[in-house]
Amino acid sequence: ARCVREAAAAERAQVLAAQITAQEKELQRMFQEQIEALEAAGKAEVVRRTKHLERLELSAWENVHKLGGEYAALQGRVLRIKEALRREAVLKADREAMEAEAVAAANNRLREYADLDLR
């Protein structure tokens, strides 16, 4: 279950990174369209569109910042899940080693009892 959550978190982080990249490309495309439109417009239109473009840019950077924060949070979550899985694996290995030692000790005692019975 943790592996599934880890994979989902990693997938979400990749999706967010792709969204950031797509939004940056879209912003560049919008800038180019606006520049081309401004070249054909009059001075008043240039001022109006420039202000609009600045608002779009601010909005886009706010979204990029927000997605970056979500991406970082998901990366942190993935790291915590990986650490928990590592600790769980260590505990399992320790438990298995202790069980093996207990079985070996019991087998040794049985052999000792069997040796005593044979004497």
Protein backbone atom coordinates (compact mmCIF):
# COMPACT_ATOMS: atom_id res chain seq x y z
CA ALA A 1 0.00 0.00 0.00
CA ARG A 2 2.85 2.35 0.77
CA CYS A 3 4.49 1.53 -2.54
CA VAL A 4 1.22 2.44 -4.28
CA ARG A 5 1.06 5.73 -2.37
CA GLU A 6 4.71 6.41 -3.15
CA ALA A 7 4.13 5.73 -6.83
CA ALA A 8 1.04 7.94 -6.84
CA ALA A 9 2.94 10.75 -5.12
CA ALA A 10 5.81 10.43 -7.59
CA GLU A 11 3.34 10.42 -10.49
CA ARG A 12 1.63 13.54 -9.10
CA ALA A 13 5.04 15.23 -8.79
CA GLN A 14 5.76 14.42 -12.44
CA VAL A 15 2.35 15.72 -13.50
CA LEU A 16 2.95 18.96 -11.62
CA ALA A 17 6.37 19.37 -13.25
CA ALA A 18 4.76 18.82 -16.66
CA GLN A 19 2.06 21.38 -15.82
CA ILE A 20 4.71 23.93 -14.85
CA THR A 21 6.56 23.37 -18.12
CA ALA A 22 3.35 23.56 -20.15
CA GLN A 23 2.32 26.77 -18.39
CA GLU A 24 5.72 28.35 -19.09
CA LYS A 25 5.43 27.42 -22.78
CA GLU A 26 1.88 28.78 -22.90
CA LEU A 27 3.10 32.02 -21.31
CA GLN A 28 5.84 32.33 -23.94
CA ARG A 29 3.31 31.68 -26.70
CA MET A 30 0.95 34.27 -25.26
CA PHE A 31 3.80 36.79 -25.04
CA GLN A 32 4.66 36.24 -28.70
CA GLU A 33 1.02 36.65 -29.74
CA GLN A 34 0.72 39.82 -27.67
CA ILE A 35 3.93 41.28 -29.13
CA GLU A 36 2.71 40.63 -32.67
CA ALA A 37 -0.66 42.19 -31.87
CA LEU A 38 0.98 45.22 -30.23
CA GLU A 39 3.10 45.93 -33.29
CA ALA A 40 -0.09 46.35 -35.35
CA ALA A 41 -1.99 48.41 -32.75
CA GLY A 42 -1.90 52.13 -31.93
CA LYS A 43 -0.21 53.71 -28.88
CA ALA A 44 -3.32 53.53 -26.64
CA GLU A 45 -3.84 49.91 -27.57
CA VAL A 46 -0.18 49.21 -26.78
CA VAL A 47 -0.61 50.58 -23.25
CA ARG A 48 -3.84 48.65 -22.66
CA ARG A 49 -2.45 45.34 -23.89
CA THR A 50 0.80 45.81 -22.00
CA LYS A 51 -1.12 46.14 -18.73
CA HIS A 52 -3.17 43.07 -19.60
CA LEU A 53 -0.01 41.16 -20.44
CA GLU A 54 1.55 42.15 -17.13
CA ARG A 55 -1.54 40.83 -15.30
CA LEU A 56 -1.34 37.58 -17.28
CA GLU A 57 2.35 37.25 -16.48
CA LEU A 58 1.74 37.86 -12.78
CA SER A 59 -1.07 35.32 -12.74
CA ALA A 60 1.04 32.77 -14.58
CA TRP A 61 3.98 33.21 -12.19
CA GLU A 62 1.65 32.90 -9.20
CA ASN A 63 0.37 29.62 -10.66
CA VAL A 64 3.91 28.41 -11.34
CA HIS A 65 4.88 29.28 -7.76
CA LYS A 66 1.82 27.46 -6.40
CA LEU A 67 2.51 24.36 -8.52
CA GLY A 68 6.17 24.48 -7.49
CA GLY A 69 5.12 24.47 -3.83
CA GLU A 70 2.82 21.49 -4.42
CA TYR A 71 5.64 19.71 -6.28
CA ALA A 72 8.07 20.33 -3.41
CA ALA A 73 5.51 19.13 -0.87
CA LEU A 74 4.96 15.94 -2.86
CA GLN A 75 8.71 15.38 -3.14
CA GLY A 76 8.97 15.71 0.65
CA ARG A 77 6.13 13.24 1.08
CA VAL A 78 7.80 10.76 -1.29
CA LEU A 79 11.04 11.05 0.72
CA ARG A 80 9.18 10.45 4.00
CA ILE A 81 7.43 7.40 2.52
CA LYS A 82 10.73 6.02 1.21
CA GLU A 83 12.33 6.50 4.64
CA ALA A 84 9.38 4.76 6.33
CA LEU A 85 9.67 1.85 3.89
CA ARG A 86 13.41 1.62 4.54
CA ARG A 87 12.84 1.58 8.32
CA GLU A 88 10.14 -1.05 7.88
CA ALA A 89 12.50 -3.22 5.82
CA VAL A 90 15.22 -2.90 8.49
CA LEU A 91 12.77 -3.86 11.24
CA LYS A 92 11.57 -6.84 9.20
CA ALA A 93 15.15 -8.00 8.61
CA ASP A 94 15.92 -7.61 12.34
CA ARG A 95 12.79 -9.56 13.28
CA GLU A 96 13.64 -12.33 10.80
CA ALA A 97 17.20 -12.51 12.16
CA MET A 98 15.90 -12.74 15.75
CA GLU A 99 13.45 -15.49 14.72
CA ALA A 100 16.26 -17.40 13.00
CA GLU A 101 18.42 -17.07 16.14
CA ALA A 102 15.55 -18.34 18.30
CA VAL A 103 15.01 -21.33 15.99
CA ALA A 104 18.74 -22.10 16.00
CA ALA A 105 18.86 -21.88 19.81
CA ALA A 106 15.82 -24.17 20.10
CA ASN A 107 17.41 -26.66 17.69
CA ASN A 108 20.63 -26.59 19.72
CA ARG A 109 18.67 -27.28 22.92
CA LEU A 110 16.86 -30.16 21.23
CA ARG A 111 20.18 -31.60 20.09
CA GLU A 112 21.55 -31.25 23.63
CA TYR A 113 18.47 -33.02 25.06
CA ALA A 114 18.77 -35.74 22.43
CA ASP A 115 22.46 -36.21 23.28
CA LEU A 116 21.57 -36.52 26.97
CA ASP A 117 18.85 -39.07 26.21
CA LEU A 118 21.27 -41.16 24.15
CA ARG A 119 23.81 -41.32 27.01
